[in-house]
């Protein structure tokens, strides 16, 4: 969908979603249920429920609830979207408690993050090598805690050098993290790949020995 008008605003975001949904209806597709992902999608899902009688669930994994960063306007959006949902689906018990701490009520069911099986190949499909391939996929932002990996690699380097770390993601801290790798003398061990399509990430996961995500939330 395209936001209408093409300026950043929540009302334009909601309008864009509703226009996209109505286009689906005009093409003959009417879903049985709406899956709203993250609290801000709850309001357009609620509008659709009121107008067309389609139930919706809202899945919540935004760390802002635990970090207590939601302002009054965002709390109001979250409350409207969540309290009118048929189910609220937080990704953890801690997330559920964080949502409840804002006074938001509703029917909760924990649905943890899962990984589709197409991310995995049997270990024998991987290239046989003594080099351990480590993969991290995360935004280059402070909350994802990338320096934790970089400092850990410096510790590992003191005892072994048979590893490489591939880091996928974009963000405002990218250049800072690259400089940190250089200062740690780990340029030959840690590689930044920028953003990748999900199909590319799946292939990288299939070839990795293990995945690391140091996110603080």
Protein backbone atom coordinates (compact mmCIF):
# COMPACT_ATOMS: atom_id res chain seq x y z
CA UNK A 1 0.00 0.00 0.00
CA UNK A 2 1.02 3.64 -0.28
CA UNK A 3 0.44 6.11 2.50
CA UNK A 4 -2.07 8.82 1.52
CA UNK A 5 -0.86 11.54 1.34
CA UNK A 6 2.81 10.65 0.90
CA UNK A 7 3.93 12.26 4.14
CA UNK A 8 4.77 10.57 7.44
CA UNK A 9 1.64 10.52 9.58
CA UNK A 10 -0.29 7.85 11.44
CA UNK A 11 -3.61 8.83 9.84
CA UNK A 12 -2.04 8.39 6.39
CA UNK A 13 -0.67 5.02 7.49
CA UNK A 14 -4.13 3.85 8.60
CA UNK A 15 -5.77 5.20 5.44
CA UNK A 16 -3.22 3.37 3.29
CA UNK A 17 -3.98 0.06 4.99
CA UNK A 18 -7.73 0.52 4.62
CA UNK A 19 -7.39 1.38 0.93
CA UNK A 20 -5.25 -1.72 0.39
CA UNK A 21 -7.82 -3.88 2.21
CA UNK A 22 -10.67 -2.51 0.13
CA UNK A 23 -8.68 -3.29 -2.99
CA UNK A 24 -8.44 -6.92 -1.84
CA UNK A 25 -12.21 -6.97 -1.35
CA UNK A 26 -12.80 -5.56 -4.84
CA UNK A 27 -10.67 -8.40 -6.22
CA UNK A 28 -12.86 -10.99 -4.50
CA UNK A 29 -10.65 -11.81 -1.51
CA UNK A 30 -12.17 -11.55 1.97
CA UNK A 31 -10.06 -13.07 4.76
CA UNK A 32 -11.48 -15.07 7.65
CA UNK A 33 -9.19 -13.38 10.15
CA UNK A 34 -6.77 -10.44 10.30
CA UNK A 35 -3.28 -10.81 11.79
CA UNK A 36 -2.18 -7.38 13.01
CA UNK A 37 1.55 -7.23 13.77
CA UNK A 38 2.70 -4.68 16.40
CA UNK A 39 0.32 -2.34 18.21
CA UNK A 40 0.05 0.42 15.58
CA UNK A 41 -1.66 -1.96 13.14
CA UNK A 42 -4.40 -2.63 15.67
CA UNK A 43 -6.49 0.44 14.86
CA UNK A 44 -6.90 -0.28 11.12
CA UNK A 45 -7.64 -3.90 12.03
CA UNK A 46 -10.29 -2.63 14.47
CA UNK A 47 -11.88 -0.46 11.73
CA UNK A 48 -12.02 -3.49 9.44
CA UNK A 49 -13.60 -5.59 12.20
CA UNK A 50 -16.28 -2.97 12.86
CA UNK A 51 -17.14 -2.48 9.20
CA UNK A 52 -16.85 -6.04 7.86
CA UNK A 53 -17.19 -8.23 10.95
CA UNK A 54 -13.78 -9.87 10.43
CA UNK A 55 -12.06 -10.84 13.71
CA UNK A 56 -8.43 -9.96 14.32
CA UNK A 57 -5.56 -10.93 16.55
CA UNK A 58 -2.66 -8.64 17.35
CA UNK A 59 0.83 -10.04 17.75
CA UNK A 60 3.17 -7.90 19.82
CA UNK A 61 6.95 -8.06 19.91
CA UNK A 62 7.86 -4.38 20.18
CA UNK A 63 10.46 -3.81 22.90
CA UNK A 64 9.13 -0.33 23.64
CA UNK A 65 6.64 -1.86 26.09
CA UNK A 66 9.43 -3.29 28.22
CA UNK A 67 11.61 -0.20 27.80
CA UNK A 68 8.67 2.02 28.85
CA UNK A 69 9.12 4.33 25.85
CA UNK A 70 5.49 4.65 24.72
CA UNK A 71 4.06 8.16 25.06
CA UNK A 72 0.40 8.88 25.85
CA UNK A 73 -0.63 8.96 22.19
CA UNK A 74 0.95 5.58 21.45
CA UNK A 75 -0.50 4.06 24.61
CA UNK A 76 -3.95 5.17 23.45
CA UNK A 77 -3.39 3.54 20.04
CA UNK A 78 -2.20 0.35 21.71
CA UNK A 79 -5.18 0.25 24.05
CA UNK A 80 -7.75 0.75 21.27
CA UNK A 81 -6.14 -1.86 19.03
CA UNK A 82 -5.48 -4.46 21.71
CA UNK A 83 -8.62 -4.21 23.81
CA UNK A 84 -10.79 -4.70 20.73
CA UNK A 85 -8.75 -7.63 19.41
CA UNK A 86 -10.05 -11.17 19.75
CA UNK A 87 -6.65 -12.18 21.11
CA UNK A 88 -3.44 -10.37 22.06
CA UNK A 89 -0.44 -12.55 21.21
CA UNK A 90 2.74 -11.36 22.97
CA UNK A 91 5.99 -13.17 22.19
CA UNK A 92 6.86 -13.85 25.83
CA UNK A 93 5.53 -13.73 29.39
CA UNK A 94 7.72 -10.69 30.01
CA UNK A 95 6.09 -8.94 27.05
CA UNK A 96 2.64 -9.78 28.38
CA UNK A 97 3.48 -8.32 31.79
CA UNK A 98 4.89 -5.19 30.14
CA UNK A 99 1.66 -4.68 28.18
CA UNK A 100 -0.46 -5.23 31.30
CA UNK A 101 1.64 -2.65 33.16
CA UNK A 102 0.19 0.01 30.86
CA UNK A 103 -3.32 -0.89 32.06
CA UNK A 104 -4.22 -2.60 28.79
CA UNK A 105 -6.72 -5.44 29.17
CA UNK A 106 -7.62 -8.27 26.85
CA UNK A 107 -7.43 -11.99 26.10
CA UNK A 108 -3.78 -13.02 26.07
CA UNK A 109 -2.11 -16.06 24.56
CA UNK A 110 1.68 -16.37 24.43
CA UNK A 111 2.95 -17.17 20.93
CA UNK A 112 6.73 -17.32 20.94
CA UNK A 113 8.92 -16.43 18.00
CA UNK A 114 9.42 -19.41 15.72
CA UNK A 115 11.74 -20.23 12.83
CA UNK A 116 10.32 -21.86 9.67
CA UNK A 117 11.99 -25.15 8.78
CA UNK A 118 13.19 -23.83 5.41
CA UNK A 119 15.92 -21.93 7.29
CA UNK A 120 17.58 -25.23 8.13
CA UNK A 121 19.44 -27.83 6.12
CA UNK A 122 20.87 -31.03 7.61
CA UNK A 123 24.41 -30.41 8.86
CA UNK A 124 25.87 -32.67 6.15
CA UNK A 125 24.65 -30.21 3.52
CA UNK A 126 27.00 -27.54 4.83
CA UNK A 127 30.50 -27.14 3.46
CA UNK A 128 32.92 -29.16 5.56
CA UNK A 129 35.35 -26.70 7.10
CA UNK A 130 37.23 -26.07 10.30
CA UNK A 131 36.05 -22.47 10.14
CA UNK A 132 33.00 -21.89 12.31
CA UNK A 133 30.46 -19.67 10.57
CA UNK A 134 28.52 -17.40 12.93
CA UNK A 135 25.55 -15.36 11.71
CA UNK A 136 23.80 -12.35 13.22
CA UNK A 137 20.79 -10.62 11.63
CA UNK A 138 19.81 -7.39 13.36
CA UNK A 139 19.32 -3.68 12.84
CA UNK A 140 22.43 -1.59 13.43
CA UNK A 141 20.88 0.20 16.40
CA UNK A 142 21.86 0.38 20.10
CA UNK A 143 19.01 -1.86 21.30
CA UNK A 144 20.37 -4.77 19.24
CA UNK A 145 23.61 -4.64 21.24
CA UNK A 146 26.02 -5.45 18.38
CA UNK A 147 29.10 -4.34 20.40
CA UNK A 148 28.44 -7.38 22.62
CA UNK A 149 29.28 -9.68 19.68
CA UNK A 150 32.29 -7.62 18.67
CA UNK A 151 33.81 -7.63 22.17
CA UNK A 152 33.04 -11.33 22.57
CA UNK A 153 34.90 -12.05 19.34
CA UNK A 154 37.97 -10.26 20.69
CA UNK A 155 37.92 -12.59 23.69
CA UNK A 156 37.51 -15.64 21.43
CA UNK A 157 40.33 -14.43 19.18
CA UNK A 158 42.81 -14.75 22.05
CA UNK A 159 42.36 -18.53 22.11
CA UNK A 160 41.27 -19.44 18.56
CA UNK A 161 41.04 -17.86 15.13
CA UNK A 162 38.98 -20.44 13.23
CA UNK A 163 35.76 -18.42 13.00
CA UNK A 164 34.04 -15.77 10.92
CA UNK A 165 31.04 -13.65 11.83
CA UNK A 166 28.59 -12.45 9.17
CA UNK A 167 26.41 -9.55 10.30
CA UNK A 168 23.32 -8.67 8.25
CA UNK A 169 21.38 -5.47 8.82
CA UNK A 170 21.26 -1.73 8.33
CA UNK A 171 21.03 1.25 10.66
CA UNK A 172 22.54 4.45 11.94
CA UNK A 173 25.32 2.72 13.92
CA UNK A 174 26.79 0.82 10.97
CA UNK A 175 29.88 2.99 10.46
CA UNK A 176 30.53 3.15 14.20
CA UNK A 177 30.46 -0.64 14.45
CA UNK A 178 32.74 -1.02 11.44
CA UNK A 179 35.23 1.32 13.05
CA UNK A 180 35.00 -0.69 16.27
CA UNK A 181 35.84 -3.89 14.35
CA UNK A 182 38.86 -2.16 12.82
CA UNK A 183 40.06 -0.91 16.21
CA UNK A 184 39.74 -4.43 17.60
CA UNK A 185 41.85 -5.74 14.66
CA UNK A 186 39.07 -8.13 13.66
CA UNK A 187 38.63 -7.02 10.02
CA UNK A 188 39.44 -10.53 8.76
CA UNK A 189 36.94 -12.17 11.08
CA UNK A 190 33.83 -9.96 11.11
CA UNK A 191 31.97 -8.92 7.94
CA UNK A 192 29.06 -6.50 7.55
CA UNK A 193 26.72 -7.35 4.65
CA UNK A 194 24.12 -4.58 4.97
CA UNK A 195 20.49 -5.38 4.24
CA UNK A 196 19.52 -8.68 2.59
CA UNK A 197 16.32 -10.18 1.21
CA UNK A 198 14.74 -12.88 3.37
CA UNK A 199 15.53 -15.53 0.76
CA UNK A 200 19.21 -14.56 0.98
CA UNK A 201 19.10 -14.61 4.77
CA UNK A 202 17.57 -18.08 4.68
CA UNK A 203 20.48 -19.35 2.58
CA UNK A 204 22.99 -17.75 4.95
CA UNK A 205 21.24 -19.43 7.90
CA UNK A 206 21.38 -22.78 6.14
CA UNK A 207 25.16 -22.48 5.81
CA UNK A 208 25.86 -21.08 9.29
CA UNK A 209 27.01 -23.22 12.20
CA UNK A 210 24.98 -21.13 14.59
CA UNK A 211 23.01 -17.90 14.91
CA UNK A 212 23.61 -15.16 17.48
CA UNK A 213 21.26 -12.32 18.47
CA UNK A 214 22.48 -10.18 21.40
CA UNK A 215 19.41 -7.87 21.46
CA UNK A 216 18.80 -6.38 24.91
CA UNK A 217 15.01 -6.89 24.57
